[in-house]
Amino acid sequence: MEDNIPHLDGTRPGPESNIKVGYYRWVVCGLLFFATTINYIDRAVLGILAPVLQNSIGWNQIDYGYIIFAFTTAYAIGLLFVGRFIDWVGTKRGYSASMIVWSISAVAHAFARSVFGFGVARFALGIGESGNFPAAVKATAEWFPKKERALATGLFNSGPNVGTIIALVLVPWITLTWSWREAFIFTGLLGFIALTLWLIYYEVPEKQKRVRKEEVAYIQSDPPESPAEKIPWLKLLKYRQSWAFVIGKFLTDPIWWFYLYWLPSFLNERYHLDLAHLGFPLIVIYTMVTVGSIGGGWMSGFFIKRGWSINRGRKAVMLLSALLIVPIVFAASVSEWWAVLLIGLAAASHQSWSANLFTTVSDMFPKKAVASVVGLGGMAGAIGGSLIAILAGFILQFTGSYIPLFILSGSVYLIALLIIHILVPKIEEFEMV
């Protein structure tokens, strides 16, 4: 009996190969990519402008660490509730609310006059932005069969890299043409474009009139999940699968926060690159990161389609990613372009790791629990980000050395993977009881 499952190109094999199932799910992936890109443009502005604001506002490394702490703490608090909120109101309304809050908060940075003012604006931004990944991962689970989810996650998860690249081009130009205040205003208003597109084009497959019934059937081609009621958080925390994701995020997300907020300062202090010259090295880094994000999602899907188990495919790519991050321990001790390449390789591998770590949630949990589990893990990652913000601020203020931070960055992924493997020897869907 011939397999009649549609291929990625939208056709069915065999005599029915001319029957198209459609591509609207990739339109949804495009919406997620665009919103995530805007999310990270707003998030990246502060890090790019840090050397300018340090002189303009007059903060030191510890003050800067506290500002980042305000964002990551709010992000953690938001993730404590946002996953449940999105599971409750639905992906469309939940993501819309998130976009509104983070866009207004991003604009509010332009009116800050002190470290405290930036802390308040950053706190509000953290609350709004906490909805992005729980909503995006839930939308991916709603719109993609499991064999395509890692690729879809890798595609929208490249949004942070593209958003950062856009910010690296846009923010210095706006700042040098007008001022840093206009940079916050213009980038903040971009969120309302993403909101408009989301409201027009997003709906769950069963209610989306633009999608073909053949594509809905393809999206739902995985074995049906058993019905489940809303799952209390305490119940989620009973499962080792939840703890594997939570610990993985707690250990590795802080490294991404470190890259995002301290790379411009590192290049400025170590190699004396000012705002007009920071852009190109950082663009090289985040271009590498984009390749890593998409490539990591594609690679595990490639292995799985060729007969590897989900467990083997996901963990093989996560192990490779973890090993490629290790050389970053030398980044503070080499010449400028070697540092750029080592950081770019590590950051790209982080995104490859992240795309597969996110996807393990929808591999293991029923759809109704996905956003809640992602929210819990994101909260843990944000708590880790809060801790590294304070740690980095004090280390840099009192030692002036980035070496301890790069050693930490190079070591935690292998530790995280070992813990994940111990907790979940086999990644597979399980029955929640």
Protein backbone atom coordinates (compact mmCIF):
# COMPACT_ATOMS: atom_id res chain seq x y z
CA MET A 1 0.00 0.00 0.00
CA GLU A 2 1.54 3.29 -1.12
CA ASP A 3 2.25 6.05 1.37
CA ASN A 4 -0.18 8.93 0.79
CA ILE A 5 1.30 11.43 3.21
CA PRO A 6 2.02 14.75 1.43
CA HIS A 7 5.61 15.86 1.02
CA LEU A 8 7.05 19.19 2.15
CA ASP A 9 6.62 20.53 -1.40
CA GLY A 10 2.86 20.24 -1.05
CA THR A 11 2.32 17.16 -3.23
CA ARG A 12 1.26 13.60 -2.52
CA PRO A 13 3.49 10.72 -3.66
CA GLY A 14 2.49 8.18 -6.30
CA PRO A 15 -0.38 8.59 -8.75
CA GLU A 16 -1.79 11.52 -6.77
CA SER A 17 1.44 13.52 -6.90
CA ASN A 18 -0.24 16.32 -8.81
CA ILE A 19 -2.60 17.06 -5.89
CA LYS A 20 -1.41 20.15 -4.06
CA VAL A 21 -2.14 20.43 -0.37
CA GLY A 22 -1.12 24.09 -0.12
CA TYR A 23 1.45 26.23 1.62
CA TYR A 24 -0.54 28.45 3.97
CA ARG A 25 1.25 26.99 6.98
CA TRP A 26 4.41 28.66 5.67
CA VAL A 27 2.55 31.97 5.53
CA VAL A 28 1.89 31.46 9.24
CA CYS A 29 5.59 30.71 9.74
CA GLY A 30 6.31 33.99 7.93
CA LEU A 31 4.03 35.88 10.34
CA LEU A 32 5.84 34.33 13.29
CA PHE A 33 9.20 35.19 11.74
CA PHE A 34 8.18 38.82 11.14
CA ALA A 35 6.78 39.33 14.64
CA THR A 36 9.84 37.70 16.24
CA THR A 37 12.10 39.91 14.10
CA ILE A 38 10.34 43.05 15.37
CA ASN A 39 10.46 41.66 18.91
CA TYR A 40 14.23 41.44 18.71
CA ILE A 41 14.71 44.78 17.01
CA ASP A 42 13.05 46.33 20.05
CA ARG A 43 15.10 44.15 22.40
CA ALA A 44 18.44 44.85 20.68
CA VAL A 45 18.28 48.65 20.60
CA LEU A 46 19.50 49.08 24.18
CA GLY A 47 22.54 46.85 23.71
CA ILE A 48 23.59 48.65 20.51
CA LEU A 49 23.22 52.05 22.16
CA ALA A 50 24.83 51.00 25.47
CA PRO A 51 28.18 52.76 24.81
CA VAL A 52 26.32 55.95 23.77
CA LEU A 53 23.88 55.85 26.68
CA GLN A 54 26.66 55.12 29.15
CA ASN A 55 28.07 58.56 28.33
CA SER A 56 24.72 60.32 27.84
CA ILE A 57 22.92 59.03 30.93
CA GLY A 58 26.03 58.35 32.99
CA TRP A 59 25.73 54.72 34.11
CA ASN A 60 28.45 52.20 34.95
CA GLN A 61 28.56 48.42 34.34
CA ILE A 62 26.69 47.66 37.56
CA ASP A 63 23.92 50.16 36.68
CA TYR A 64 23.68 48.60 33.22
CA GLY A 65 23.45 45.16 34.80
CA TYR A 66 20.53 46.35 36.94
CA ILE A 67 18.72 47.70 33.85
CA ILE A 68 19.10 44.31 32.14
CA PHE A 69 18.05 42.68 35.42
CA ALA A 70 14.79 44.70 35.30
CA PHE A 71 14.02 43.35 31.82
CA THR A 72 14.89 39.73 32.52
CA THR A 73 13.04 39.74 35.84
CA ALA A 74 9.91 41.11 34.15
CA TYR A 75 10.37 38.57 31.37
CA ALA A 76 10.47 35.80 33.96
CA ILE A 77 7.38 37.14 35.74
CA GLY A 78 5.56 37.44 32.42
CA LEU A 79 6.42 33.88 31.45
CA LEU A 80 5.05 32.71 34.78
CA PHE A 81 1.59 33.69 33.52
CA VAL A 82 1.71 34.20 29.77
CA GLY A 83 1.78 30.55 28.72
CA ARG A 84 -1.38 29.87 30.70
CA PHE A 85 -2.93 33.07 29.37
CA ILE A 86 -2.25 32.05 25.75
CA ASP A 87 -3.54 28.53 26.33
CA TRP A 88 -6.69 30.14 27.79
CA VAL A 89 -7.49 32.93 25.28
CA GLY A 90 -5.95 31.30 22.21
CA THR A 91 -2.88 32.05 20.15
CA LYS A 92 -4.38 34.88 18.09
CA ARG A 93 -5.59 37.05 20.96
CA GLY A 94 -2.73 36.17 23.28
CA TYR A 95 -0.02 37.10 20.76
CA SER A 96 -1.88 40.30 19.84
CA ALA A 97 -1.92 41.45 23.47
CA SER A 98 1.79 40.75 23.75
CA MET A 99 2.62 42.82 20.64
CA ILE A 100 0.63 45.81 21.89
CA VAL A 101 2.36 45.87 25.29
CA TRP A 102 5.90 45.44 23.98
CA SER A 103 5.49 48.05 21.21
CA ILE A 104 4.23 50.75 23.59
CA SER A 105 6.98 49.90 26.07
CA ALA A 106 9.68 50.09 23.39
CA VAL A 107 8.61 53.62 22.46
CA ALA A 108 8.59 54.59 26.15
CA HIS A 109 12.40 54.23 26.32
CA ALA A 110 12.67 57.48 24.37
CA PHE A 111 11.26 59.39 27.34
CA ALA A 112 13.61 57.94 29.98
CA ARG A 113 16.01 60.38 31.63
CA SER A 114 17.79 58.21 34.21
CA VAL A 115 18.90 54.68 35.07
CA PHE A 116 15.63 54.26 36.98
CA GLY A 117 13.59 55.46 33.97
CA PHE A 118 15.31 52.96 31.69
CA GLY A 119 14.71 50.26 34.28
CA VAL A 120 10.96 51.00 34.32
CA ALA A 121 10.70 51.01 30.52
CA ARG A 122 12.75 47.86 30.33
CA PHE A 123 10.55 46.13 32.92
CA ALA A 124 7.42 46.91 30.88
CA LEU A 125 9.13 45.68 27.70
CA GLY A 126 9.99 42.40 29.43
CA ILE A 127 6.35 41.82 30.39
CA GLY A 128 5.20 42.39 26.80
CA GLU A 129 7.94 40.40 25.08
CA SER A 130 7.43 37.38 27.33
CA GLY A 131 4.51 36.32 25.12
CA ASN A 132 6.49 35.95 21.91
CA PHE A 133 7.97 32.46 22.15
CA PRO A 134 5.11 30.70 23.99
CA ALA A 135 2.70 32.02 21.33
CA ALA A 136 5.03 31.21 18.42
CA VAL A 137 5.75 27.66 19.58
CA LYS A 138 2.03 27.06 20.20
CA ALA A 139 1.18 28.40 16.71
CA THR A 140 3.80 26.06 15.25
CA ALA A 141 2.22 23.11 17.05
CA GLU A 142 -1.19 24.17 15.69
CA TRP A 143 -0.01 24.59 12.09
CA PHE A 144 2.73 21.99 11.48
CA PRO A 145 3.01 18.20 11.73
CA LYS A 146 5.85 17.04 13.94
CA LYS A 147 8.24 16.25 11.10
CA GLU A 148 8.17 19.93 9.99
CA ARG A 149 8.12 21.63 13.38
CA ALA A 150 11.88 21.85 13.92
CA LEU A 151 12.33 23.49 10.50
CA ALA A 152 9.43 25.90 11.14
CA THR A 153 10.83 26.67 14.60
CA GLY A 154 14.28 27.24 13.13
CA LEU A 155 12.81 29.62 10.53
CA PHE A 156 10.89 31.82 12.96
CA ASN A 157 13.70 31.46 15.51
CA SER A 158 15.99 33.12 12.95
CA GLY A 159 13.90 36.26 13.52
CA PRO A 160 16.06 37.33 16.49
CA ASN A 161 19.13 37.23 14.27
CA VAL A 162 17.55 39.09 11.37
CA GLY A 163 16.00 41.58 13.81
CA THR A 164 19.36 42.22 15.40
CA ILE A 165 21.01 42.70 11.98
CA ILE A 166 18.30 45.19 10.98
CA ALA A 167 18.74 46.99 14.29
CA LEU A 168 22.51 47.13 13.75
CA VAL A 169 21.94 48.94 10.44
CA LEU A 170 18.96 51.05 11.45
CA VAL A 171 19.75 52.17 14.99
CA PRO A 172 23.19 53.73 14.36
CA TRP A 173 21.86 55.54 11.28
CA ILE A 174 18.85 56.98 13.13
CA THR A 175 21.01 57.89 16.14
CA LEU A 176 23.72 59.58 14.11
CA THR A 177 21.10 61.37 11.95
CA TRP A 178 18.80 62.47 14.79
CA SER A 179 19.36 61.04 18.29
CA TRP A 180 19.03 57.89 20.34
CA ARG A 181 15.48 58.89 21.37
CA GLU A 182 14.24 58.71 17.77
CA ALA A 183 15.85 55.26 17.48
CA PHE A 184 13.59 53.94 20.25
CA ILE A 185 10.47 55.63 18.86
CA PHE A 186 10.86 54.43 15.27
CA THR A 187 11.73 50.83 16.14
CA GLY A 188 8.95 50.65 18.73
CA LEU A 189 6.31 51.66 16.20
CA LEU A 190 7.28 48.77 13.91
CA GLY A 191 5.44 46.40 16.25
CA PHE A 192 2.09 47.75 15.16
CA ILE A 193 2.82 46.62 11.59
CA ALA A 194 3.35 43.06 12.85
CA LEU A 195 0.16 43.33 14.91
CA THR A 196 -1.90 44.39 11.88
CA LEU A 197 -0.63 41.50 9.74
CA TRP A 198 -1.22 39.03 12.55
CA LEU A 199 -4.83 40.12 13.06
CA ILE A 200 -5.56 39.91 9.34
CA TYR A 201 -3.91 36.62 8.42
CA TYR A 202 -3.79 34.37 11.49
CA GLU A 203 -6.38 31.85 12.60
CA VAL A 204 -6.21 28.20 13.64
CA PRO A 205 -6.29 25.81 10.64
CA GLU A 206 -9.88 24.66 11.20
CA LYS A 207 -11.18 28.25 11.12
CA GLN A 208 -8.83 29.72 8.49
CA LYS A 209 -10.82 30.18 5.27
CA ARG A 210 -7.67 30.76 3.21
CA VAL A 211 -6.31 27.24 3.82
CA ARG A 212 -7.26 24.17 1.75
CA LYS A 213 -8.84 21.17 3.42
CA GLU A 214 -6.01 19.00 2.05
CA GLU A 215 -3.50 21.10 3.94
CA VAL A 216 -5.54 20.87 7.14
CA ALA A 217 -5.48 17.08 6.74
CA TYR A 218 -1.70 17.18 6.25
CA ILE A 219 -1.22 19.40 9.31
CA GLN A 220 -3.28 16.93 11.35
CA SER A 221 -1.59 13.84 9.91
CA ASP A 222 0.13 12.95 13.19
CA PRO A 223 -1.62 10.34 15.37
CA PRO A 224 -4.44 12.03 17.28
CA GLU A 225 -3.75 13.14 20.83
CA SER A 226 -5.95 11.93 23.63
CA PRO A 227 -8.27 14.64 24.98
CA ALA A 228 -6.87 16.52 27.95
CA GLU A 229 -8.23 19.06 30.34
CA LYS A 230 -6.31 22.16 31.33
CA ILE A 231 -3.19 21.03 33.10
CA PRO A 232 -2.24 22.75 36.39
CA TRP A 233 1.35 23.95 36.66
CA LEU A 234 2.00 21.81 39.70
CA LYS A 235 1.04 18.83 37.59
CA LEU A 236 3.43 19.90 34.81
CA LEU A 237 6.24 20.10 37.34
CA LYS A 238 5.63 16.47 38.27
CA TYR A 239 7.04 15.37 34.92
CA ARG A 240 10.76 14.97 34.31
CA GLN A 241 10.14 16.07 30.71
CA SER A 242 9.15 19.50 32.04
CA TRP A 243 12.26 19.70 34.20
CA ALA A 244 14.51 18.72 31.28
CA PHE A 245 13.24 21.71 29.28
CA VAL A 246 13.26 24.06 32.29
CA ILE A 247 16.84 23.20 33.27
CA GLY A 248 18.02 23.38 29.66
CA LYS A 249 16.61 26.89 29.34
CA PHE A 250 17.90 28.01 32.75
CA LEU A 251 21.46 27.02 31.91
CA THR A 252 21.71 28.17 28.29
CA ASP A 253 19.36 31.14 27.79
CA PRO A 254 21.56 33.44 29.93
CA ILE A 255 24.37 33.02 27.41
CA TRP A 256 22.16 34.48 24.69
CA TRP A 257 21.25 37.41 26.96
CA PHE A 258 24.98 37.97 27.48
CA TYR A 259 25.60 38.03 23.73
CA LEU A 260 22.70 40.38 23.08
CA TYR A 261 23.50 42.98 25.70
CA TRP A 262 27.28 42.86 26.12
CA LEU A 263 28.75 42.14 22.68
CA PRO A 264 28.62 45.81 21.57
CA SER A 265 30.29 46.85 24.84
CA PHE A 266 32.88 44.06 24.50
CA LEU A 267 33.84 45.14 20.99
CA ASN A 268 33.88 48.78 22.06
CA GLU A 269 36.08 48.20 25.12
CA ARG A 270 38.36 45.46 23.73
CA TYR A 271 38.83 46.71 20.16
CA HIS A 272 37.76 50.38 20.49
CA LEU A 273 34.94 50.15 17.94
CA ASP A 274 32.53 53.10 18.18
CA LEU A 275 28.87 53.24 17.08
CA ALA A 276 29.80 53.98 13.46
CA HIS A 277 32.09 50.91 13.27
CA LEU A 278 30.33 48.33 15.45
CA GLY A 279 27.80 47.40 12.80
CA PHE A 280 29.84 45.27 10.38
CA PRO A 281 31.42 42.86 12.91
CA LEU A 282 28.05 42.38 14.61
CA ILE A 283 26.30 41.88 11.27
CA VAL A 284 28.82 39.12 10.47
CA ILE A 285 28.06 37.47 13.83
CA TYR A 286 24.29 37.60 13.44
CA THR A 287 24.41 36.46 9.81
CA MET A 288 26.22 33.36 11.05
CA VAL A 289 23.56 33.03 13.74
CA THR A 290 20.76 33.08 11.13
CA VAL A 291 22.42 30.20 9.28
CA GLY A 292 22.79 28.29 12.55
CA SER A 293 19.15 28.73 13.53
CA ILE A 294 17.74 27.55 10.22
CA GLY A 295 20.42 24.90 9.73
CA GLY A 296 19.92 23.38 13.18
CA GLY A 297 16.17 23.07 12.67
CA TRP A 298 16.64 21.65 9.18
CA MET A 299 19.32 19.16 10.21
CA SER A 300 17.29 17.33 12.87
CA GLY A 301 14.30 17.18 10.49
CA PHE A 302 16.62 15.81 7.78
CA PHE A 303 17.79 13.02 10.07
CA ILE A 304 14.27 12.18 11.24
CA LYS A 305 12.91 11.98 7.68
CA ARG A 306 15.66 9.49 6.89
CA GLY A 307 14.62 7.11 9.62
CA TRP A 308 16.33 8.43 12.74
CA SER A 309 14.17 8.53 15.83
CA ILE A 310 13.08 11.94 17.12
CA ASN A 311 15.26 11.32 20.18
CA ARG A 312 18.39 10.55 18.15
CA GLY A 313 17.83 13.37 15.64
CA ARG A 314 17.23 16.12 18.22
CA LYS A 315 20.04 15.06 20.59
CA ALA A 316 22.60 14.57 17.81
CA VAL A 317 22.13 18.16 16.64
CA MET A 318 22.13 19.48 20.21
CA LEU A 319 25.41 17.65 20.92
CA LEU A 320 27.04 19.01 17.78
CA SER A 321 25.84 22.50 18.69
CA ALA A 322 27.22 22.20 22.24
CA LEU A 323 30.65 21.08 20.95
CA LEU A 324 30.87 23.96 18.45
CA ILE A 325 30.29 26.48 21.26
CA VAL A 326 33.30 25.36 23.33
CA PRO A 327 35.97 27.39 21.40
CA ILE A 328 34.36 30.67 22.54
CA VAL A 329 36.43 30.34 25.73
CA PHE A 330 39.30 31.91 23.72
CA ALA A 331 37.29 34.88 22.37
CA ALA A 332 38.64 37.48 24.78
CA SER A 333 42.26 36.53 24.08
CA VAL A 334 42.50 36.74 20.29
CA SER A 335 42.52 39.41 17.60
CA GLU A 336 39.35 41.24 16.57
CA TRP A 337 38.27 39.09 13.63
CA TRP A 338 39.13 35.79 15.31
CA ALA A 339 36.95 36.94 18.21
CA VAL A 340 34.14 37.82 15.79
CA LEU A 341 34.32 34.37 14.15
CA LEU A 342 34.46 32.47 17.46
CA ILE A 343 31.53 34.43 18.87
CA GLY A 344 29.60 34.03 15.62
CA LEU A 345 30.15 30.25 15.64
CA ALA A 346 29.05 30.01 19.28
CA ALA A 347 25.99 32.23 18.82
CA ALA A 348 24.98 30.32 15.67
CA SER A 349 25.31 27.05 17.54
CA HIS A 350 23.24 28.45 20.39
CA GLN A 351 20.38 29.11 17.99
CA SER A 352 20.72 25.63 16.51
CA TRP A 353 20.55 24.28 20.06
CA SER A 354 17.59 26.52 20.88
CA ALA A 355 15.54 25.53 17.82
CA ASN A 356 15.81 21.87 18.79
CA LEU A 357 15.30 22.46 22.51
CA PHE A 358 12.07 24.37 21.79
CA THR A 359 10.87 21.60 19.50
CA THR A 360 11.31 18.92 22.15
CA VAL A 361 8.32 20.43 23.98
CA SER A 362 5.91 19.75 21.10
CA ASP A 363 7.63 16.36 20.60
CA MET A 364 6.72 15.32 24.14
CA PHE A 365 3.64 17.25 25.32
CA PRO A 366 0.04 17.52 24.04
CA LYS A 367 -0.77 20.78 22.22
CA LYS A 368 -2.86 22.13 25.11
CA ALA A 369 0.21 22.06 27.37
CA VAL A 370 2.81 23.35 24.91
CA ALA A 371 2.57 27.08 25.64
CA SER A 372 2.50 26.47 29.39
CA VAL A 373 5.64 24.31 29.30
CA VAL A 374 7.41 26.80 27.03
CA GLY A 375 6.38 29.55 29.43
CA LEU A 376 7.85 27.67 32.38
CA GLY A 377 11.10 27.08 30.52
CA GLY A 378 11.26 30.65 29.30
CA MET A 379 10.72 31.86 32.86
CA ALA A 380 13.64 29.70 34.01
CA GLY A 381 15.79 31.08 31.18
CA ALA A 382 14.86 34.64 32.14
CA ILE A 383 15.74 33.97 35.79
CA GLY A 384 19.10 32.74 34.58
CA GLY A 385 19.36 35.89 32.45
CA SER A 386 18.67 38.02 35.54
CA LEU A 387 21.46 36.28 37.40
CA ILE A 388 24.00 36.67 34.59
CA ALA A 389 23.08 40.38 34.24
CA ILE A 390 24.08 41.02 37.84
CA LEU A 391 27.08 38.68 37.62
CA ALA A 392 28.39 40.25 34.41
CA GLY A 393 27.92 43.77 35.77
CA PHE A 394 29.98 43.08 38.89
CA ILE A 395 32.66 41.00 37.11
CA LEU A 396 33.20 43.69 34.47
CA GLN A 397 33.05 46.60 36.92
CA PHE A 398 35.65 45.13 39.28
CA THR A 399 37.89 43.07 36.97
CA GLY A 400 37.35 44.59 33.52
CA SER A 401 37.80 41.07 32.06
CA TYR A 402 35.40 39.15 29.82
CA ILE A 403 37.38 35.90 30.10
CA PRO A 404 35.31 34.38 32.99
CA LEU A 405 32.09 35.11 31.09
CA PHE A 406 33.34 33.45 27.90
CA ILE A 407 34.52 30.39 29.86
CA LEU A 408 31.03 30.11 31.34
CA SER A 409 29.51 30.51 27.87
CA GLY A 410 31.57 27.66 26.46
CA SER A 411 30.88 25.10 29.17
CA VAL A 412 27.19 25.13 30.13
CA TYR A 413 25.70 23.50 26.99
CA LEU A 414 27.40 20.14 27.46
CA ILE A 415 26.33 20.16 31.11
CA ALA A 416 22.77 21.01 30.09
CA LEU A 417 22.64 18.23 27.48
CA LEU A 418 23.90 15.68 29.98
CA ILE A 419 21.15 16.67 32.45
CA ILE A 420 18.50 16.58 29.71
CA HIS A 421 19.63 13.10 28.65
CA ILE A 422 19.56 11.83 32.24
CA LEU A 423 16.04 13.19 32.78
CA VAL A 424 14.70 12.15 29.36
CA PRO A 425 16.68 9.22 27.96
CA LYS A 426 14.21 9.03 25.06
CA ILE A 427 12.39 12.06 23.63
CA GLU A 428 8.92 10.91 22.65
CA GLU A 429 5.31 11.81 23.24
CA PHE A 430 3.99 10.49 26.52
CA GLU A 431 0.59 10.11 28.11
CA MET A 432 -0.10 12.71 30.79
CA VAL A 433 -2.09 11.23 33.64
